[in-house]
Protein backbone atom coordinates (compact mmCIF):
# COMPACT_ATOMS: atom_id res chain seq x y z
CA MET A 1 -0.21 0.11 -0.17
CA ARG A 2 1.50 3.48 -0.89
CA ILE A 3 0.50 6.48 0.56
CA THR A 4 1.65 10.23 -1.21
CA PHE A 5 1.87 13.14 1.03
CA CYS A 6 1.43 16.39 -1.35
CA CYS A 7 0.25 19.39 1.13
CA THR A 8 1.39 22.98 -0.09
CA ASP A 9 3.20 25.30 2.72
CA THR A 10 3.02 22.50 5.54
CA ALA A 11 6.28 20.74 6.99
CA SER A 12 6.47 17.59 5.60
CA GLU A 13 8.51 15.23 7.68
CA PRO A 14 6.64 15.05 11.04
CA TRP A 15 3.33 14.17 8.61
CA LEU A 16 5.27 11.55 7.02
CA ASN A 17 7.10 10.15 9.87
CA GLY A 18 3.51 10.15 12.04
CA LEU A 19 2.26 8.40 9.30
CA ARG A 20 4.45 5.91 8.88
CA ALA A 21 4.30 5.08 12.78
CA ALA A 22 0.52 4.96 12.46
CA LEU A 23 0.73 2.63 9.22
CA PRO A 24 3.77 0.81 9.68
CA GLY A 25 3.11 -1.65 6.63
CA ALA A 26 2.64 1.26 4.43
CA GLU A 27 5.15 2.89 1.60
CA VAL A 28 4.93 6.87 2.50
CA SER A 29 6.36 9.40 0.47
CA LEU A 30 6.63 12.93 -0.26
CA TRP A 31 4.81 13.79 -3.54
CA GLU A 32 6.99 14.80 -6.19
CA PRO A 33 6.33 15.11 -10.14
CA GLY A 34 6.76 11.48 -11.76
CA ALA A 35 6.66 9.73 -8.64
CA ALA A 36 4.83 6.15 -8.70
CA ALA A 37 1.28 5.67 -8.28
CA ALA A 38 -0.29 5.56 -4.83
CA ASP A 39 -3.40 4.38 -3.33
CA TYR A 40 -3.92 6.99 -0.60
CA ALA A 41 -3.15 10.41 -0.55
CA VAL A 42 -3.04 13.31 2.13
CA VAL A 43 -3.33 16.82 0.57
CA TRP A 44 -3.72 20.42 0.87
CA ALA A 45 -3.95 22.66 -2.04
CA PRO A 46 -1.96 20.55 -4.35
CA PRO A 47 -1.49 21.30 -7.91
CA GLN A 48 -3.21 20.36 -10.70
CA GLN A 49 -0.21 18.19 -12.31
CA PHE A 50 -0.57 16.34 -8.86
CA PHE A 51 -4.05 14.91 -9.97
CA ASP A 52 -3.09 14.65 -13.96
CA GLU A 53 -0.44 12.20 -12.53
CA GLN A 54 -2.17 10.28 -9.58
CA LEU A 55 -4.78 8.60 -11.57
CA HIS A 56 -5.86 5.81 -9.46
CA LEU A 57 -6.21 6.95 -6.20
CA ARG A 58 -8.59 5.17 -4.05
CA ALA A 59 -9.16 7.90 -1.66
CA MET A 60 -7.74 11.19 -0.89
CA PHE A 61 -7.51 12.94 2.56
CA ASN A 62 -7.88 16.56 2.86
CA ILE A 63 -6.54 18.05 6.01
CA GLY A 64 -8.26 21.29 6.31
CA ALA A 65 -11.88 21.38 7.09
CA GLY A 66 -13.06 23.38 3.75
CA VAL A 67 -13.09 21.34 0.43
CA ASP A 68 -14.52 23.94 -2.09
CA ALA A 69 -10.76 24.58 -3.75
CA LEU A 70 -10.17 20.85 -3.80
CA LEU A 71 -13.46 20.54 -5.97
CA LYS A 72 -12.47 22.96 -8.64
CA MET A 73 -9.94 21.02 -9.35
CA ARG A 74 -9.80 17.98 -12.28
CA LEU A 75 -9.95 15.22 -10.06
CA PRO A 76 -9.17 11.75 -11.61
CA PRO A 77 -12.96 9.99 -12.09
CA GLY A 78 -14.01 7.90 -9.14
CA THR A 79 -11.72 8.91 -6.56
CA GLN A 80 -13.34 9.48 -3.24
CA VAL A 81 -12.59 13.07 -1.30
CA ILE A 82 -12.52 12.40 2.34
CA ARG A 83 -12.59 15.35 4.95
CA LEU A 84 -11.53 15.37 8.22
CA ASP A 85 -14.40 14.99 10.72
CA ASP A 86 -13.11 17.17 13.30
CA ALA A 87 -9.38 16.01 14.32
CA GLY A 88 -9.47 18.79 17.40
CA MET A 89 -11.09 21.79 15.13
CA SER A 90 -14.44 21.61 16.72
CA VAL A 91 -13.03 22.46 20.13
CA GLN A 92 -10.88 25.55 18.74
CA MET A 93 -13.87 26.65 17.14
CA ALA A 94 -16.32 26.58 20.05
CA GLU A 95 -13.60 28.27 21.91
CA TYR A 96 -13.50 31.25 19.39
CA VAL A 97 -17.16 31.69 18.98
CA CYS A 98 -17.86 31.82 22.80
CA HIS A 99 -14.83 34.10 23.65
CA THR A 100 -15.77 36.21 20.61
CA VAL A 101 -19.89 36.30 21.52
CA ILE A 102 -19.00 36.92 25.24
CA ARG A 103 -16.51 39.54 24.28
CA HIS A 104 -19.12 41.45 22.27
CA PHE A 105 -22.32 40.68 24.71
CA ARG A 106 -20.06 42.10 27.78
CA GLU A 107 -18.84 44.93 25.96
CA PHE A 108 -15.03 44.24 27.03
CA GLU A 109 -13.77 45.87 24.15
CA GLY A 110 -15.26 49.10 25.45
CA TYR A 111 -13.92 48.64 28.87
CA GLU A 112 -10.31 48.07 27.32
CA THR A 113 -10.12 51.05 25.52
CA ASP A 114 -11.40 52.83 29.03
CA MET A 115 -8.68 51.59 30.83
CA VAL A 116 -5.97 52.62 28.01
CA LYS A 117 -7.48 55.86 28.64
CA GLY A 118 -7.35 55.86 32.65
CA LYS A 119 -10.90 55.74 32.74
CA TRP A 120 -13.05 53.68 34.96
CA SER A 121 -16.33 52.97 33.47
CA PHE A 122 -19.61 51.43 33.94
CA ARG A 123 -21.98 50.04 31.49
CA LYS A 124 -25.56 48.69 32.14
CA PRO A 125 -25.69 44.61 32.20
CA ARG A 126 -26.96 43.43 29.01
CA SER A 127 -29.66 40.44 29.00
CA ARG A 128 -29.09 37.45 27.29
CA MET A 129 -32.53 36.99 25.98
CA ASP A 130 -31.63 40.39 23.75
CA TYR A 131 -29.04 38.46 22.27
CA PRO A 132 -30.13 35.60 20.27
CA VAL A 133 -27.12 33.91 18.52
CA GLY A 134 -27.64 32.48 15.29
CA VAL A 135 -25.57 29.52 13.86
CA LEU A 136 -25.62 29.22 10.28
CA GLY A 137 -24.65 25.77 9.61
CA LEU A 138 -24.86 22.81 11.77
CA GLY A 139 -22.29 20.13 10.49
CA VAL A 140 -19.96 18.78 13.04
CA LEU A 141 -18.06 22.19 13.45
CA GLY A 142 -21.45 23.85 13.79
CA GLU A 143 -23.03 21.60 15.93
CA ARG A 144 -20.39 21.94 18.45
CA VAL A 145 -20.36 25.77 18.43
CA ALA A 146 -24.43 25.83 18.91
CA ARG A 147 -24.10 23.64 21.79
CA ALA A 148 -21.12 25.56 23.53
CA VAL A 149 -22.75 28.74 23.10
CA ALA A 150 -26.11 27.74 24.79
CA GLN A 151 -24.32 26.34 27.81
CA PHE A 152 -23.77 30.30 28.67
CA ASP A 153 -27.82 30.62 28.47
CA PHE A 154 -28.05 32.29 25.18
CA PRO A 155 -30.72 31.65 23.07
CA VAL A 156 -29.34 29.86 20.15
CA ASN A 157 -30.74 29.52 16.76
CA GLY A 158 -29.82 26.87 13.88
CA TRP A 159 -29.96 26.54 10.46
CA SER A 160 -29.11 23.75 8.08
CA ARG A 161 -29.73 23.09 4.50
CA THR A 162 -32.21 19.67 6.01
CA PRO A 163 -33.83 19.41 9.30
CA LYS A 164 -31.74 18.40 12.20
CA ALA A 165 -32.30 18.74 16.06
CA VAL A 166 -29.76 19.63 18.63
CA PRO A 167 -30.74 19.81 22.47
CA GLY A 168 -30.85 23.55 23.56
CA VAL A 169 -30.86 24.81 20.10
CA GLN A 170 -33.94 26.33 17.85
CA CYS A 171 -33.47 24.69 14.26
CA PHE A 172 -34.74 25.86 11.22
CA ALA A 173 -33.73 24.04 7.55
CA GLY A 174 -33.84 24.69 4.44
CA ALA A 175 -34.77 27.96 2.31
CA GLU A 176 -38.48 28.20 3.49
CA GLN A 177 -37.32 28.83 7.00
CA PHE A 178 -34.36 30.96 6.21
CA ASP A 179 -35.64 34.17 6.53
CA ALA A 180 -37.36 33.22 9.81
CA PHE A 181 -33.77 32.25 11.22
CA LEU A 182 -32.38 35.50 10.14
CA GLN A 183 -34.99 37.14 11.74
CA ALA A 184 -34.77 35.41 15.15
CA SER A 185 -31.13 36.13 15.63
CA ARG A 186 -29.24 39.07 16.44
CA VAL A 187 -25.48 37.45 16.41
CA LEU A 188 -24.78 35.65 13.37
CA VAL A 189 -22.21 33.08 12.89
CA CYS A 190 -21.32 31.76 9.66
CA LEU A 191 -20.21 28.04 9.76
CA LEU A 192 -21.38 26.65 6.20
CA PRO A 193 -19.14 24.96 3.54
CA LEU A 194 -18.36 27.17 0.60
CA THR A 195 -20.80 25.86 -2.44
CA PRO A 196 -22.26 28.13 -5.41
CA GLU A 197 -25.46 28.21 -3.29
CA THR A 198 -23.58 29.79 -0.21
CA ARG A 199 -21.37 31.83 -1.99
CA ASP A 200 -22.25 35.63 -1.07
CA ILE A 201 -25.08 34.56 1.22
CA MET A 202 -24.24 37.10 3.88
CA ASN A 203 -25.22 40.01 1.68
CA HIS A 204 -27.19 42.78 2.19
CA ALA A 205 -30.58 41.78 2.03
CA HIS A 206 -29.98 38.77 4.35
CA LEU A 207 -27.82 40.53 6.66
CA SER A 208 -30.65 43.22 7.09
CA ARG A 209 -33.02 40.49 8.21
CA LEU A 210 -30.92 40.28 11.74
CA ARG A 211 -32.36 42.35 14.71
CA PRO A 212 -31.47 45.93 14.68
CA GLY A 213 -27.61 46.05 16.59
CA GLY A 214 -26.57 42.71 14.89
CA TYR A 215 -23.38 41.26 14.74
CA VAL A 216 -21.30 39.20 12.56
CA ILE A 217 -19.11 36.42 12.84
CA ASN A 218 -17.54 34.88 10.18
CA VAL A 219 -15.04 31.82 10.73
CA ALA A 220 -16.44 29.86 7.79
CA ARG A 221 -14.99 31.25 4.08
CA GLY A 222 -14.25 34.90 3.44
CA ALA A 223 -16.62 34.23 -0.15
CA HIS A 224 -19.72 33.80 1.99
CA LEU A 225 -19.91 37.36 3.11
CA VAL A 226 -20.05 40.40 0.71
CA ASP A 227 -17.26 43.20 2.07
CA GLU A 228 -19.25 46.25 0.97
CA ASP A 229 -22.77 45.34 2.20
CA LEU A 230 -20.81 44.41 5.67
CA LEU A 231 -19.20 47.79 5.51
CA ALA A 232 -22.66 49.88 4.77
CA LEU A 233 -24.42 48.11 7.55
CA LEU A 234 -22.19 48.87 9.86
CA ASP A 235 -21.87 52.55 8.89
CA ASP A 236 -25.54 53.03 9.15
CA GLY A 237 -26.02 51.52 12.45
CA HIS A 238 -28.15 48.44 11.76
CA LEU A 239 -25.15 45.92 12.63
CA GLU A 240 -22.98 46.83 15.75
CA GLY A 241 -19.92 45.04 14.67
CA ALA A 242 -18.27 41.91 13.05
CA THR A 243 -15.39 39.61 13.97
CA LEU A 244 -13.76 37.84 10.84
CA ASP A 245 -11.59 35.24 10.76
CA VAL A 246 -11.56 34.34 6.96
CA PHE A 247 -11.41 36.39 3.71
CA ARG A 248 -11.95 36.35 -0.01
CA VAL A 249 -8.19 37.10 -0.50
CA GLU A 250 -5.45 36.03 2.27
CA PRO A 251 -3.37 37.46 3.54
CA LEU A 252 -5.85 40.35 3.57
CA PRO A 253 -4.74 43.08 1.42
CA LYS A 254 -3.00 46.23 3.38
CA ASP A 255 -5.05 48.38 1.51
CA HIS A 256 -8.69 46.77 2.47
CA PRO A 257 -10.89 48.86 4.41
CA PHE A 258 -11.43 45.98 7.01
CA TRP A 259 -8.07 46.63 8.59
CA ASN A 260 -9.04 50.03 9.88
CA HIS A 261 -12.59 50.18 10.47
CA PRO A 262 -13.36 50.73 13.99
CA LYS A 263 -16.44 47.94 14.40
CA ILE A 264 -14.38 45.36 12.76
CA THR A 265 -11.81 43.08 14.59
CA LEU A 266 -9.56 40.94 12.50
CA THR A 267 -7.85 37.64 12.91
CA PRO A 268 -5.71 35.47 10.36
CA HIS A 269 -7.64 32.46 9.52
CA THR A 270 -6.57 30.92 13.20
CA SER A 271 -10.14 29.97 14.82
CA ALA A 272 -9.39 26.51 14.29
CA ARG A 273 -6.25 24.93 13.13
CA THR A 274 -5.46 21.48 11.91
CA LEU A 275 -3.68 19.33 14.80
CA ARG A 276 -1.41 16.98 13.34
CA SER A 277 -1.40 13.88 15.53
CA GLU A 278 -5.62 13.99 15.69
CA SER A 279 -5.42 14.29 12.03
CA ILE A 280 -3.11 11.57 11.50
CA ALA A 281 -4.73 9.20 14.08
CA GLN A 282 -7.69 9.71 12.27
CA ILE A 283 -6.55 9.45 8.37
CA ALA A 284 -4.56 6.10 9.66
CA GLY A 285 -7.99 4.67 10.75
CA LYS A 286 -10.02 5.19 8.01
CA ILE A 287 -7.46 4.11 5.49
CA ALA A 288 -7.39 1.11 7.87
CA ALA A 289 -11.33 0.75 7.64
CA MET A 290 -11.16 1.24 3.72
CA GLN A 291 -8.48 -1.62 3.65
CA ARG A 292 -10.77 -4.09 5.18
CA GLY A 293 -13.25 -2.73 2.98
CA ALA A 294 -15.55 -1.24 5.44
CA LEU A 295 -17.54 2.26 4.44
CA VAL A 296 -15.90 5.61 6.06
CA GLY A 297 -17.20 8.85 7.29
CA GLY A 298 -16.69 12.15 5.82
CA ARG A 299 -16.87 11.47 2.20
CA VAL A 300 -17.45 14.45 0.04
CA ASP A 301 -20.60 14.46 -2.22
CA PRO A 302 -18.61 16.57 -5.22
CA LEU A 303 -22.51 17.92 -5.90
CA ARG A 304 -23.38 19.17 -3.05
CA GLY A 305 -19.75 20.63 -2.58
CA TYR A 306 -18.93 18.80 0.97
């Protein structure tokens, strides 16, 4: 059994050593042009030449949460694309979103600004009932985030393409319930996969349906958000602020207006990072299962895009 590793901007040796230790009977190597055909691949942002040469892969494992860029490539017919189910990312995402929601709700940024100025200030406590949190996307990451936020007694709404049930979360599903989901939410957290249907989903029309004084948190993909529409709604006061971890162009261009907007907090695509040891264990387990002829979770449907 041959496994090839082709991950752009990723230190290869720790991954290669970890895969060899987890799958001692396998031949694990770093992909180079002209390399021998492999049975399985571990990839992140591989070049098209990789797919043009590796025509007989049984499956490829994507080490990041999003597969949208991978599905734009010309993939060998019949090759399965498999996502990591979690690999330590869901708890990181829950930490990030809970921190952001609480920081906004408790007005910590305002307190920090006042303290820097030497001002001892007081703000009237807010009611959680006035800050319902809407989680857009209830996959592995979205469900974990929704359950975590609910632990702080915020009302939590969740929207998904198909009906789901999550304890402590008011669930909405499908296009017919999308407006009701938005209108019931004041804080919007985007955790959707990027597909043709979800691109630009956070536009002026949709964000305008949030309750007045809304807040936007994007930890999914930059192309979900129409930048100009967010700026307009921040400037006219319908939205109180936004925290953005992902952008249409990364790194964010130096001249982008997000950098200096007083109501926007930025982080450099760090809300949930791939954890190598957890990822290797999961990939090795799935390869072993496939070798036994078993079905594995995380298989991507190219038609749905996730």
